[in-house]
Amino acid sequence: MGQPFTASIPHRLGKAEATRRLQAGLTGVRDRFSRHISILEETWTGEQLDFRIAALGQTASGKLQVADDAVHLSMELPFMLDLVARKAKDLIQKQGRLMLEKK
């Protein structure tokens, strides 16, 4: 595995509201992308989500950390998933912004 895949999404919601919106929004994302990605583990501890996913026959783990002004995603990915994630980074950030914008 190479460098971790990272993405950040700024917000003005504060930790609690951003966490609430992400928790609610992840259900929709999970349903929408279930053909491509399986969520194997998902554990929220305060404002941090630790998770494991499976895609393309490979598994990966990561964390989502909610700060006062941004959400930070960091994932350790095998080579093939890393290539896909880097190409899909704009989509990943767009989906995050949509979850944070919904009321």
PDB file of N, CA and C in Angstrom:
ATOM      1  N   MET A   1       0.843  -1.178   0.000  1.00  0.00           N
ATOM      2  CA  MET A   1       0.000   0.000   0.000  1.00  0.00           C
ATOM      3  C   MET A   1       0.884   1.235   0.000  1.00  0.00           C
ATOM      4  N   GLY A   2       0.458   2.235  -0.759  1.00  0.00           N
ATOM      5  CA  GLY A   2       1.219   3.476  -0.865  1.00  0.00           C
ATOM      6  C   GLY A   2       0.721   4.515   0.111  1.00  0.00           C
ATOM      7  N   GLN A   3       0.672   5.729  -0.364  1.00  0.00           N
ATOM      8  CA  GLN A   3       0.189   6.840   0.448  1.00  0.00           C
ATOM      9  C   GLN A   3      -1.300   6.646   0.751  1.00  0.00           C
ATOM     10  N   PRO A   4      -1.755   7.064   1.920  1.00  0.00           N
ATOM     11  CA  PRO A   4      -3.188   6.980   2.203  1.00  0.00           C
ATOM     12  C   PRO A   4      -3.973   7.886   1.248  1.00  0.00           C
ATOM     13  N   PHE A   5      -5.144   7.450   0.890  1.00  0.00           N
ATOM     14  CA  PHE A   5      -6.060   8.278   0.113  1.00  0.00           C
ATOM     15  C   PHE A   5      -6.741   9.222   1.098  1.00  0.00           C
ATOM     16  N   THR A   6      -6.733  10.523   0.813  1.00  0.00           N
ATOM     17  CA  THR A   6      -7.365  11.493   1.707  1.00  0.00           C
ATOM     18  C   THR A   6      -8.259  12.440   0.915  1.00  0.00           C
ATOM     19  N   ALA A   7      -9.259  12.939   1.598  1.00  0.00           N
ATOM     20  CA  ALA A   7     -10.144  13.955   1.040  1.00  0.00           C
ATOM     21  C   ALA A   7     -10.695  14.757   2.214  1.00  0.00           C
ATOM     22  N   SER A   8     -10.933  16.033   1.989  1.00  0.00           N
ATOM     23  CA  SER A   8     -11.521  16.897   3.014  1.00  0.00           C
ATOM     24  C   SER A   8     -12.680  17.665   2.406  1.00  0.00           C
ATOM     25  N   ILE A   9     -13.713  17.838   3.220  1.00  0.00           N
ATOM     26  CA  ILE A   9     -14.900  18.568   2.789  1.00  0.00           C
ATOM     27  C   ILE A   9     -15.175  19.649   3.838  1.00  0.00           C
ATOM     28  N   PRO A  10     -15.017  20.907   3.473  1.00  0.00           N
ATOM     29  CA  PRO A  10     -15.279  21.979   4.444  1.00  0.00           C
ATOM     30  C   PRO A  10     -16.772  22.116   4.728  1.00  0.00           C
ATOM     31  N   HIS A  11     -17.085  22.603   5.923  1.00  0.00           N
ATOM     32  CA  HIS A  11     -18.479  22.875   6.297  1.00  0.00           C
ATOM     33  C   HIS A  11     -18.499  23.965   7.363  1.00  0.00           C
ATOM     34  N   ARG A  12     -19.693  24.457   7.640  1.00  0.00           N
ATOM     35  CA  ARG A  12     -19.880  25.484   8.684  1.00  0.00           C
ATOM     36  C   ARG A  12     -20.931  25.044   9.691  1.00  0.00           C
ATOM     37  N   LEU A  13     -21.007  23.764   9.942  1.00  0.00           N
ATOM     38  CA  LEU A  13     -22.088  23.198  10.750  1.00  0.00           C
ATOM     39  C   LEU A  13     -21.718  22.933  12.205  1.00  0.00           C
ATOM     40  N   GLY A  14     -20.456  22.869  12.503  1.00  0.00           N
ATOM     41  CA  GLY A  14     -20.026  22.401  13.810  1.00  0.00           C
ATOM     42  C   GLY A  14     -19.986  20.880  13.811  1.00  0.00           C
ATOM     43  N   LYS A  15     -19.275  20.316  14.781  1.00  0.00           N
ATOM     44  CA  LYS A  15     -19.084  18.865  14.825  1.00  0.00           C
ATOM     45  C   LYS A  15     -20.387  18.091  14.962  1.00  0.00           C
ATOM     46  N   ALA A  16     -21.220  18.492  15.911  1.00  0.00           N
ATOM     47  CA  ALA A  16     -22.424  17.712  16.212  1.00  0.00           C
ATOM     48  C   ALA A  16     -23.373  17.657  15.024  1.00  0.00           C
ATOM     49  N   GLU A  17     -23.657  18.780  14.403  1.00  0.00           N
ATOM     50  CA  GLU A  17     -24.601  18.802  13.280  1.00  0.00           C
ATOM     51  C   GLU A  17     -24.017  18.100  12.066  1.00  0.00           C
ATOM     52  N   ALA A  18     -22.746  18.287  11.790  1.00  0.00           N
ATOM     53  CA  ALA A  18     -22.118  17.605  10.656  1.00  0.00           C
ATOM     54  C   ALA A  18     -22.143  16.088  10.872  1.00  0.00           C
ATOM     55  N   THR A  19     -21.863  15.643  12.083  1.00  0.00           N
ATOM     56  CA  THR A  19     -21.902  14.210  12.396  1.00  0.00           C
ATOM     57  C   THR A  19     -23.317  13.665  12.208  1.00  0.00           C
ATOM     58  N   ARG A  20     -24.309  14.376  12.690  1.00  0.00           N
ATOM     59  CA  ARG A  20     -25.706  13.946  12.548  1.00  0.00           C
ATOM     60  C   ARG A  20     -26.078  13.795  11.075  1.00  0.00           C
ATOM     61  N   ARG A  21     -25.718  14.783  10.273  1.00  0.00           N
ATOM     62  CA  ARG A  21     -26.057  14.739   8.845  1.00  0.00           C
ATOM     63  C   ARG A  21     -25.322  13.615   8.123  1.00  0.00           C
ATOM     64  N   LEU A  22     -24.077  13.386   8.482  1.00  0.00           N
ATOM     65  CA  LEU A  22     -23.333  12.290   7.852  1.00  0.00           C
ATOM     66  C   LEU A  22     -23.924  10.937   8.225  1.00  0.00           C
ATOM     67  N   GLN A  23     -24.264  10.761   9.504  1.00  0.00           N
ATOM     68  CA  GLN A  23     -24.850   9.494   9.925  1.00  0.00           C
ATOM     69  C   GLN A  23     -26.161   9.235   9.186  1.00  0.00           C
ATOM     70  N   ALA A  24     -26.977  10.260   9.023  1.00  0.00           N
ATOM     71  CA  ALA A  24     -28.237  10.112   8.300  1.00  0.00           C
ATOM     72  C   ALA A  24     -27.989   9.887   6.809  1.00  0.00           C
ATOM     73  N   GLY A  25     -27.054  10.594   6.237  1.00  0.00           N
ATOM     74  CA  GLY A  25     -26.793  10.513   4.812  1.00  0.00           C
ATOM     75  C   GLY A  25     -26.092   9.250   4.363  1.00  0.00           C
ATOM     76  N   LEU A  26     -25.342   8.613   5.238  1.00  0.00           N
ATOM     77  CA  LEU A  26     -24.615   7.411   4.845  1.00  0.00           C
ATOM     78  C   LEU A  26     -25.544   6.265   4.473  1.00  0.00           C
ATOM     79  N   THR A  27     -26.736   6.234   5.034  1.00  0.00           N
ATOM     80  CA  THR A  27     -27.698   5.197   4.662  1.00  0.00           C
ATOM     81  C   THR A  27     -28.048   5.306   3.183  1.00  0.00           C
ATOM     82  N   GLY A  28     -28.301   6.509   2.707  1.00  0.00           N
ATOM     83  CA  GLY A  28     -28.624   6.714   1.299  1.00  0.00           C
ATOM     84  C   GLY A  28     -27.453   6.377   0.390  1.00  0.00           C
ATOM     85  N   VAL A  29     -26.265   6.769   0.788  1.00  0.00           N
ATOM     86  CA  VAL A  29     -25.075   6.472  -0.015  1.00  0.00           C
ATOM     87  C   VAL A  29     -24.854   4.965  -0.069  1.00  0.00           C
ATOM     88  N   ARG A  30     -25.019   4.310   1.066  1.00  0.00           N
ATOM     89  CA  ARG A  30     -24.845   2.852   1.132  1.00  0.00           C
ATOM     90  C   ARG A  30     -25.820   2.169   0.167  1.00  0.00           C
ATOM     91  N   ASP A  31     -27.078   2.613   0.167  1.00  0.00           N
ATOM     92  CA  ASP A  31     -28.072   2.033  -0.736  1.00  0.00           C
ATOM     93  C   ASP A  31     -27.740   2.332  -2.196  1.00  0.00           C
ATOM     94  N   ARG A  32     -27.353   3.549  -2.478  1.00  0.00           N
ATOM     95  CA  ARG A  32     -27.095   3.977  -3.853  1.00  0.00           C
ATOM     96  C   ARG A  32     -25.900   3.264  -4.486  1.00  0.00           C
ATOM     97  N   PHE A  33     -24.870   3.002  -3.704  1.00  0.00           N
ATOM     98  CA  PHE A  33     -23.644   2.417  -4.248  1.00  0.00           C
ATOM     99  C   PHE A  33     -23.438   0.958  -3.843  1.00  0.00           C
ATOM    100  N   SER A  34     -24.486   0.294  -3.351  1.00  0.00           N
ATOM    101  CA  SER A  34     -24.344  -1.079  -2.845  1.00  0.00           C
ATOM    102  C   SER A  34     -23.914  -2.077  -3.918  1.00  0.00           C
ATOM    103  N   ARG A  35     -24.157  -1.781  -5.172  1.00  0.00           N
ATOM    104  CA  ARG A  35     -23.703  -2.683  -6.241  1.00  0.00           C
ATOM    105  C   ARG A  35     -22.183  -2.669  -6.372  1.00  0.00           C
ATOM    106  N   HIS A  36     -21.552  -1.588  -5.937  1.00  0.00           N
ATOM    107  CA  HIS A  36     -20.116  -1.415  -6.143  1.00  0.00           C
ATOM    108  C   HIS A  36     -19.285  -1.586  -4.874  1.00  0.00           C
ATOM    109  N   ILE A  37     -19.870  -1.207  -3.739  1.00  0.00           N
ATOM    110  CA  ILE A  37     -19.119  -1.208  -2.482  1.00  0.00           C
ATOM    111  C   ILE A  37     -19.953  -1.874  -1.391  1.00  0.00           C
ATOM    112  N   SER A  38     -19.335  -2.764  -0.620  1.00  0.00           N
ATOM    113  CA  SER A  38     -19.983  -3.373   0.544  1.00  0.00           C
ATOM    114  C   SER A  38     -19.344  -2.814   1.800  1.00  0.00           C
ATOM    115  N   ILE A  39     -20.176  -2.397   2.738  1.00  0.00           N
ATOM    116  CA  ILE A  39     -19.676  -1.924   4.031  1.00  0.00           C
ATOM    117  C   ILE A  39     -19.570  -3.143   4.945  1.00  0.00           C
ATOM    118  N   LEU A  40     -18.361  -3.493   5.336  1.00  0.00           N
ATOM    119  CA  LEU A  40     -18.137  -4.659   6.183  1.00  0.00           C
ATOM    120  C   LEU A  40     -18.221  -4.309   7.661  1.00  0.00           C
ATOM    121  N   GLU A  41     -17.723  -3.140   8.020  1.00  0.00           N
ATOM    122  CA  GLU A  41     -17.764  -2.661   9.407  1.00  0.00           C
ATOM    123  C   GLU A  41     -17.973  -1.161   9.391  1.00  0.00           C
ATOM    124  N   GLU A  42     -18.700  -0.674  10.400  1.00  0.00           N
ATOM    125  CA  GLU A  42     -18.957   0.763  10.532  1.00  0.00           C
ATOM    126  C   GLU A  42     -19.149   1.060  12.007  1.00  0.00           C
ATOM    127  N   THR A  43     -18.206   1.776  12.615  1.00  0.00           N
ATOM    128  CA  THR A  43     -18.262   2.066  14.043  1.00  0.00           C
ATOM    129  C   THR A  43     -18.044   3.552  14.288  1.00  0.00           C
ATOM    130  N   TRP A  44     -19.078   4.210  14.836  1.00  0.00           N
ATOM    131  CA  TRP A  44     -18.948   5.619  15.215  1.00  0.00           C
ATOM    132  C   TRP A  44     -18.495   5.703  16.667  1.00  0.00           C
ATOM    133  N   THR A  45     -17.483   6.513  16.920  1.00  0.00           N
ATOM    134  CA  THR A  45     -17.023   6.842  18.268  1.00  0.00           C
ATOM    135  C   THR A  45     -16.956   8.358  18.325  1.00  0.00           C
ATOM    136  N   GLY A  46     -17.976   8.968  18.919  1.00  0.00           N
ATOM    137  CA  GLY A  46     -18.052  10.422  18.916  1.00  0.00           C
ATOM    138  C   GLY A  46     -18.178  10.930  17.498  1.00  0.00           C
ATOM    139  N   GLU A  47     -17.228  11.749  17.096  1.00  0.00           N
ATOM    140  CA  GLU A  47     -17.243  12.331  15.748  1.00  0.00           C
ATOM    141  C   GLU A  47     -16.328  11.586  14.780  1.00  0.00           C
ATOM    142  N   GLN A  48     -15.978  10.361  15.079  1.00  0.00           N
ATOM    143  CA  GLN A  48     -15.102   9.592  14.194  1.00  0.00           C
ATOM    144  C   GLN A  48     -15.789   8.299  13.775  1.00  0.00           C
ATOM    145  N   LEU A  49     -15.746   8.028  12.484  1.00  0.00           N
ATOM    146  CA  LEU A  49     -16.262   6.779  11.928  1.00  0.00           C
ATOM    147  C   LEU A  49     -15.077   5.940  11.475  1.00  0.00           C
ATOM    148  N   ASP A  50     -14.948   4.740  12.016  1.00  0.00           N
ATOM    149  CA  ASP A  50     -13.964   3.767  11.547  1.00  0.00           C
ATOM    150  C   ASP A  50     -14.732   2.749  10.715  1.00  0.00           C
ATOM    151  N   PHE A  51     -14.202   2.395   9.550  1.00  0.00           N
ATOM    152  CA  PHE A  51     -14.947   1.494   8.669  1.00  0.00           C
ATOM    153  C   PHE A  51     -14.022   0.590   7.877  1.00  0.00           C
ATOM    154  N   ARG A  52     -14.616  -0.493   7.379  1.00  0.00           N
ATOM    155  CA  ARG A  52     -13.960  -1.395   6.438  1.00  0.00           C
ATOM    156  C   ARG A  52     -14.931  -1.621   5.297  1.00  0.00           C
ATOM    157  N   ILE A  53     -14.411  -1.605   4.072  1.00  0.00           N
ATOM    158  CA  ILE A  53     -15.245  -1.795   2.898  1.00  0.00           C
ATOM    159  C   ILE A  53     -14.662  -2.909   2.022  1.00  0.00           C
ATOM    160  N   ALA A  54     -15.490  -3.408   1.113  1.00  0.00           N
ATOM    161  CA  ALA A  54     -15.033  -4.353   0.100  1.00  0.00           C
ATOM    162  C   ALA A  54     -15.509  -3.847  -1.250  1.00  0.00           C
ATOM    163  N   ALA A  55     -14.610  -3.893  -2.231  1.00  0.00           N
ATOM    164  CA  ALA A  55     -14.934  -3.497  -3.600  1.00  0.00           C
ATOM    165  C   ALA A  55     -13.930  -4.164  -4.531  1.00  0.00           C
ATOM    166  N   LEU A  56     -14.395  -4.560  -5.686  1.00  0.00           N
ATOM    167  CA  LEU A  56     -13.524  -5.182  -6.692  1.00  0.00           C
ATOM    168  C   LEU A  56     -12.757  -6.377  -6.118  1.00  0.00           C
ATOM    169  N   GLY A  57     -13.382  -7.102  -5.196  1.00  0.00           N
ATOM    170  CA  GLY A  57     -12.744  -8.271  -4.610  1.00  0.00           C
ATOM    171  C   GLY A  57     -11.644  -7.967  -3.620  1.00  0.00           C
ATOM    172  N   GLN A  58     -11.523  -6.717  -3.185  1.00  0.00           N
ATOM    173  CA  GLN A  58     -10.484  -6.318  -2.236  1.00  0.00           C
ATOM    174  C   GLN A  58     -11.134  -5.603  -1.055  1.00  0.00           C
ATOM    175  N   THR A  59     -10.421  -5.563   0.050  1.00  0.00           N
ATOM    176  CA  THR A  59     -10.924  -4.847   1.225  1.00  0.00           C
ATOM    177  C   THR A  59     -10.007  -3.676   1.551  1.00  0.00           C
ATOM    178  N   ALA A  60     -10.593  -2.705   2.234  1.00  0.00           N
ATOM    179  CA  ALA A  60      -9.846  -1.508   2.641  1.00  0.00           C
ATOM    180  C   ALA A  60     -10.455  -0.991   3.935  1.00  0.00           C
ATOM    181  N   SER A  61      -9.657  -0.241   4.677  1.00  0.00           N
ATOM    182  CA  SER A  61     -10.153   0.365   5.909  1.00  0.00           C
ATOM    183  C   SER A  61      -9.852   1.857   5.899  1.00  0.00           C
ATOM    184  N   GLY A  62     -10.619   2.574   6.705  1.00  0.00           N
ATOM    185  CA  GLY A  62     -10.401   4.006   6.765  1.00  0.00           C
ATOM    186  C   GLY A  62     -11.122   4.635   7.928  1.00  0.00           C
ATOM    187  N   LYS A  63     -11.015   5.950   7.984  1.00  0.00           N
ATOM    188  CA  LYS A  63     -11.705   6.696   9.030  1.00  0.00           C
ATOM    189  C   LYS A  63     -12.209   8.006   8.458  1.00  0.00           C
ATOM    190  N   LEU A  64     -13.289   8.450   9.034  1.00  0.00           N
ATOM    191  CA  LEU A  64     -13.897   9.724   8.709  1.00  0.00           C
ATOM    192  C   LEU A  64     -13.894  10.513  10.007  1.00  0.00           C
ATOM    193  N   GLN A  65     -13.200  11.641  10.045  1.00  0.00           N
ATOM    194  CA  GLN A  65     -13.081  12.457  11.252  1.00  0.00           C
ATOM    195  C   GLN A  65     -13.805  13.777  11.025  1.00  0.00           C
ATOM    196  N   VAL A  66     -14.779  14.070  11.887  1.00  0.00           N
ATOM    197  CA  VAL A  66     -15.536  15.311  11.767  1.00  0.00           C
ATOM    198  C   VAL A  66     -14.900  16.359  12.673  1.00  0.00           C
ATOM    199  N   ALA A  67     -14.453  17.452  12.082  1.00  0.00           N
ATOM    200  CA  ALA A  67     -13.906  18.585  12.827  1.00  0.00           C
ATOM    201  C   ALA A  67     -14.938  19.716  12.822  1.00  0.00           C
ATOM    202  N   ASP A  68     -14.664  20.787  13.542  1.00  0.00           N
ATOM    203  CA  ASP A  68     -15.595  21.910  13.607  1.00  0.00           C
ATOM    204  C   ASP A  68     -15.893  22.519  12.243  1.00  0.00           C
ATOM    205  N   ASP A  69     -14.918  22.469  11.329  1.00  0.00           N
ATOM    206  CA  ASP A  69     -15.072  23.178  10.057  1.00  0.00           C
ATOM    207  C   ASP A  69     -14.843  22.315   8.815  1.00  0.00           C
ATOM    208  N   ALA A  70     -14.602  21.010   9.003  1.00  0.00           N
ATOM    209  CA  ALA A  70     -14.363  20.130   7.853  1.00  0.00           C
ATOM    210  C   ALA A  70     -14.533  18.672   8.265  1.00  0.00           C
ATOM    211  N   VAL A  71     -14.765  17.846   7.255  1.00  0.00           N
ATOM    212  CA  VAL A  71     -14.780  16.395   7.438  1.00  0.00           C
ATOM    213  C   VAL A  71     -13.563  15.859   6.701  1.00  0.00           C
ATOM    214  N   HIS A  72     -12.790  15.022   7.376  1.00  0.00           N
ATOM    215  CA  HIS A  72     -11.557  14.484   6.804  1.00  0.00           C
ATOM    216  C   HIS A  72     -11.685  12.972   6.637  1.00  0.00           C
ATOM    217  N   LEU A  73     -11.437  12.509   5.432  1.00  0.00           N
ATOM    218  CA  LEU A  73     -11.471  11.092   5.103  1.00  0.00           C
ATOM    219  C   LEU A  73     -10.043  10.620   4.859  1.00  0.00           C
ATOM    220  N   SER A  74      -9.690   9.492   5.440  1.00  0.00           N
ATOM    221  CA  SER A  74      -8.385   8.892   5.217  1.00  0.00           C
ATOM    222  C   SER A  74      -8.583   7.387   5.085  1.00  0.00           C
ATOM    223  N   MET A  75      -8.011   6.802   4.009  1.00  0.00           N
ATOM    224  CA  MET A  75      -8.176   5.372   3.764  1.00  0.00           C
ATOM    225  C   MET A  75      -6.858   4.747   3.338  1.00  0.00           C
ATOM    226  N   GLU A  76      -6.627   3.551   3.819  1.00  0.00           N
ATOM    227  CA  GLU A  76      -5.510   2.728   3.374  1.00  0.00           C
ATOM    228  C   GLU A  76      -6.079   1.791   2.323  1.00  0.00           C
ATOM    229  N   LEU A  77      -5.621   1.924   1.085  1.00  0.00           N
ATOM    230  CA  LEU A  77      -6.201   1.174  -0.019  1.00  0.00           C
ATOM    231  C   LEU A  77      -5.175   0.304  -0.729  1.00  0.00           C
ATOM    232  N   PRO A  78      -5.580  -0.907  -1.125  1.00  0.00           N
ATOM    233  CA  PRO A  78      -4.711  -1.690  -2.003  1.00  0.00           C
ATOM    234  C   PRO A  78      -4.628  -0.994  -3.359  1.00  0.00           C
ATOM    235  N   PHE A  79      -3.643  -1.350  -4.139  1.00  0.00           N
ATOM    236  CA  PHE A  79      -3.319  -0.652  -5.385  1.00  0.00           C
ATOM    237  C   PHE A  79      -4.533  -0.414  -6.282  1.00  0.00           C
ATOM    238  N   MET A  80      -5.306  -1.446  -6.589  1.00  0.00           N
ATOM    239  CA  MET A  80      -6.419  -1.309  -7.526  1.00  0.00           C
ATOM    240  C   MET A  80      -7.485  -0.349  -6.976  1.00  0.00           C
ATOM    241  N   LEU A  81      -7.817  -0.465  -5.709  1.00  0.00           N
ATOM    242  CA  LEU A  81      -8.812   0.442  -5.125  1.00  0.00           C
ATOM    243  C   LEU A  81      -8.277   1.865  -5.045  1.00  0.00           C
ATOM    244  N   ASP A  82      -6.988   1.996  -4.844  1.00  0.00           N
ATOM    245  CA  ASP A  82      -6.381   3.326  -4.808  1.00  0.00           C
ATOM    246  C   ASP A  82      -6.549   4.019  -6.164  1.00  0.00           C
ATOM    247  N   LEU A  83      -6.333   3.300  -7.237  1.00  0.00           N
ATOM    248  CA  LEU A  83      -6.514   3.880  -8.578  1.00  0.00           C
ATOM    249  C   LEU A  83      -7.953   4.343  -8.783  1.00  0.00           C
ATOM    250  N   VAL A  84      -8.902   3.508  -8.393  1.00  0.00           N
ATOM    251  CA  VAL A  84     -10.317   3.851  -8.553  1.00  0.00           C
ATOM    252  C   VAL A  84     -10.677   5.055  -7.689  1.00  0.00           C
ATOM    253  N   ALA A  85     -10.238   5.058  -6.433  1.00  0.00           N
ATOM    254  CA  ALA A  85     -10.573   6.146  -5.512  1.00  0.00           C
ATOM    255  C   ALA A  85     -10.007   7.479  -5.983  1.00  0.00           C
ATOM    256  N   ARG A  86      -8.795   7.475  -6.473  1.00  0.00           N
ATOM    257  CA  ARG A  86      -8.197   8.739  -6.936  1.00  0.00           C
ATOM    258  C   ARG A  86      -8.937   9.278  -8.155  1.00  0.00           C
ATOM    259  N   LYS A  87      -9.430   8.397  -9.002  1.00  0.00           N
ATOM    260  CA  LYS A  87     -10.223   8.845 -10.155  1.00  0.00           C
ATOM    261  C   LYS A  87     -11.606   9.322  -9.713  1.00  0.00           C
ATOM    262  N   ALA A  88     -12.116   8.769  -8.620  1.00  0.00           N
ATOM    263  CA  ALA A  88     -13.455   9.106  -8.139  1.00  0.00           C
ATOM    264  C   ALA A  88     -13.441  10.151  -7.020  1.00  0.00           C
ATOM    265  N   LYS A  89     -12.314  10.788  -6.758  1.00  0.00           N
ATOM    266  CA  LYS A  89     -12.203  11.722  -5.637  1.00  0.00           C
ATOM    267  C   LYS A  89     -13.236  12.848  -5.723  1.00  0.00           C
ATOM    268  N   ASP A  90     -13.456  13.392  -6.907  1.00  0.00           N
ATOM    269  CA  ASP A  90     -14.457  14.458  -7.049  1.00  0.00           C
ATOM    270  C   ASP A  90     -15.851  13.956  -6.679  1.00  0.00           C
ATOM    271  N   LEU A  91     -16.192  12.744  -7.106  1.00  0.00           N
ATOM    272  CA  LEU A  91     -17.491  12.159  -6.765  1.00  0.00           C
ATOM    273  C   LEU A  91     -17.613  11.938  -5.264  1.00  0.00           C
ATOM    274  N   ILE A  92     -16.563  11.451  -4.639  1.00  0.00           N
ATOM    275  CA  ILE A  92     -16.560  11.219  -3.193  1.00  0.00           C
ATOM    276  C   ILE A  92     -16.803  12.540  -2.456  1.00  0.00           C
ATOM    277  N   GLN A  93     -16.105  13.599  -2.862  1.00  0.00           N
ATOM    278  CA  GLN A  93     -16.276  14.899  -2.213  1.00  0.00           C
ATOM    279  C   GLN A  93     -17.673  15.469  -2.483  1.00  0.00           C
ATOM    280  N   LYS A  94     -18.198  15.275  -3.689  1.00  0.00           N
ATOM    281  CA  LYS A  94     -19.539  15.759  -4.019  1.00  0.00           C
ATOM    282  C   LYS A  94     -20.582  15.066  -3.145  1.00  0.00           C
ATOM    283  N   GLN A  95     -20.489  13.755  -2.987  1.00  0.00           N
ATOM    284  CA  GLN A  95     -21.439  13.023  -2.150  1.00  0.00           C
ATOM    285  C   GLN A  95     -21.360  13.502  -0.700  1.00  0.00           C
ATOM    286  N   GLY A  96     -20.161  13.771  -0.222  1.00  0.00           N
ATOM    287  CA  GLY A  96     -20.003  14.302   1.136  1.00  0.00           C
ATOM    288  C   GLY A  96     -20.648  15.659   1.292  1.00  0.00           C
ATOM    289  N   ARG A  97     -20.441  16.533   0.304  1.00  0.00           N
ATOM    290  CA  ARG A  97     -21.059  17.864   0.356  1.00  0.00           C
ATOM    291  C   ARG A  97     -22.582  17.760   0.353  1.00  0.00           C
ATOM    292  N   LEU A  98     -23.124  16.852  -0.463  1.00  0.00           N
ATOM    293  CA  LEU A  98     -24.577  16.677  -0.510  1.00  0.00           C
ATOM    294  C   LEU A  98     -25.122  16.226   0.840  1.00  0.00           C
ATOM    295  N   MET A  99     -24.429  15.323   1.513  1.00  0.00           N
ATOM    296  CA  MET A  99     -24.882  14.878   2.837  1.00  0.00           C
ATOM    297  C   MET A  99     -24.860  16.007   3.840  1.00  0.00           C
ATOM    298  N   LEU A 100     -23.832  16.857   3.767  1.00  0.00           N
ATOM    299  CA  LEU A 100     -23.715  17.963   4.715  1.00  0.00           C
ATOM    300  C   LEU A 100     -24.708  19.077   4.419  1.00  0.00           C
ATOM    301  N   GLU A 101     -25.115  19.249   3.164  1.00  0.00           N
ATOM    302  CA  GLU A 101     -26.039  20.317   2.805  1.00  0.00           C
ATOM    303  C   GLU A 101     -27.479  19.998   3.145  1.00  0.00           C
ATOM    304  N   LYS A 102     -27.853  18.709   3.120  1.00  0.00           N
ATOM    305  CA  LYS A 102     -29.243  18.326   3.385  1.00  0.00           C
ATOM    306  C   LYS A 102     -29.619  18.671   4.810  1.00  0.00           C
ATOM    307  N   LYS A 103     -30.815  19.145   4.969  1.00  0.00           N
ATOM    308  CA  LYS A 103     -31.282  19.539   6.293  1.00  0.00           C
ATOM    309  C   LYS A 103     -32.002  18.416   6.985  1.00  0.00           C
TER     310      LYS A 103
END
